[in-house]
Amino acid sequence: MTDELEQQDGPQRLDRKVLEALVCPVTRGVLSYDATAQELISKAAGLAFPIRNGIPVMLVDEARRIEE
């Protein structure tokens, strides 16, 4: 018997509990979730942290700088 993974169209959704538990590693502030870009945004730090394969990568070296 084999398990088949369901494929989803479009970006993956991040679990709300995970989002509520995560904070910016720089400011310890709130993050917002951009489902389209698959990123967690820290407006205070000006950084966007990527989500890869459904896993948030909370490393400053991996973050993208954002401008406001």
Protein backbone atom coordinates (compact mmCIF):
# COMPACT_ATOMS: atom_id res chain seq x y z
CA MET A 1 0.00 0.00 0.00
CA THR A 2 1.42 3.39 -0.96
CA ASP A 3 0.52 6.85 0.26
CA GLU A 4 -0.12 9.49 -2.33
CA LEU A 5 0.51 13.14 -1.58
CA GLU A 6 -2.24 15.48 -2.61
CA GLN A 7 -1.00 18.19 -4.90
CA GLN A 8 -2.37 21.68 -4.34
CA ASP A 9 -2.79 24.33 -6.96
CA GLY A 10 -1.15 27.61 -6.02
CA PRO A 11 0.91 28.50 -2.94
CA GLN A 12 0.86 26.42 0.23
CA ARG A 13 -0.97 27.80 3.25
CA LEU A 14 0.99 28.31 6.45
CA ASP A 15 -0.65 26.95 9.59
CA ARG A 16 -2.14 29.81 11.63
CA LYS A 17 -0.68 28.41 14.89
CA VAL A 18 2.81 28.43 13.37
CA LEU A 19 2.35 32.01 12.21
CA GLU A 20 1.17 33.12 15.65
CA ALA A 21 4.18 31.47 17.33
CA LEU A 22 6.84 33.00 15.07
CA VAL A 23 8.39 36.41 15.63
CA CYS A 24 11.04 38.37 13.78
CA PRO A 25 14.48 37.17 14.89
CA VAL A 26 15.79 40.75 14.69
CA THR A 27 13.08 42.82 16.38
CA ARG A 28 11.06 40.09 18.13
CA GLY A 29 8.07 41.79 16.52
CA VAL A 30 5.04 40.61 14.59
CA LEU A 31 5.36 39.03 11.15
CA SER A 32 2.80 39.24 8.37
CA TYR A 33 2.22 36.39 5.94
CA ASP A 34 2.38 36.92 2.19
CA ALA A 35 0.85 33.74 0.75
CA THR A 36 1.53 34.71 -2.86
CA ALA A 37 5.26 35.35 -2.35
CA GLN A 38 5.55 32.60 0.32
CA GLU A 39 7.29 34.97 2.74
CA LEU A 40 6.95 36.19 6.30
CA ILE A 41 7.37 39.97 6.38
CA SER A 42 8.89 41.98 9.21
CA LYS A 43 8.05 45.60 8.44
CA ALA A 44 10.00 46.79 11.49
CA ALA A 45 13.22 45.11 10.31
CA GLY A 46 12.56 45.64 6.61
CA LEU A 47 13.04 41.93 5.90
CA ALA A 48 11.10 39.19 4.14
CA PHE A 49 11.83 35.66 5.35
CA PRO A 50 11.23 32.90 2.77
CA ILE A 51 9.00 29.88 3.27
CA ARG A 52 10.47 26.86 1.51
CA ASN A 53 8.50 23.62 1.18
CA GLY A 54 6.14 24.90 3.87
CA ILE A 55 8.98 25.63 6.33
CA PRO A 56 9.73 29.22 7.38
CA VAL A 57 13.45 30.02 7.06
CA MET A 58 14.03 32.50 9.89
CA LEU A 59 17.70 33.23 9.17
CA VAL A 60 18.67 36.86 8.58
CA ASP A 61 21.24 35.75 5.97
CA GLU A 62 18.42 34.11 3.96
CA ALA A 63 16.02 37.08 4.24
CA ARG A 64 15.32 39.53 1.45
CA ARG A 65 15.53 43.28 2.14
CA ILE A 66 12.31 45.16 1.52
CA GLU A 67 11.78 48.85 1.01
CA GLU A 68 8.77 50.84 2.12
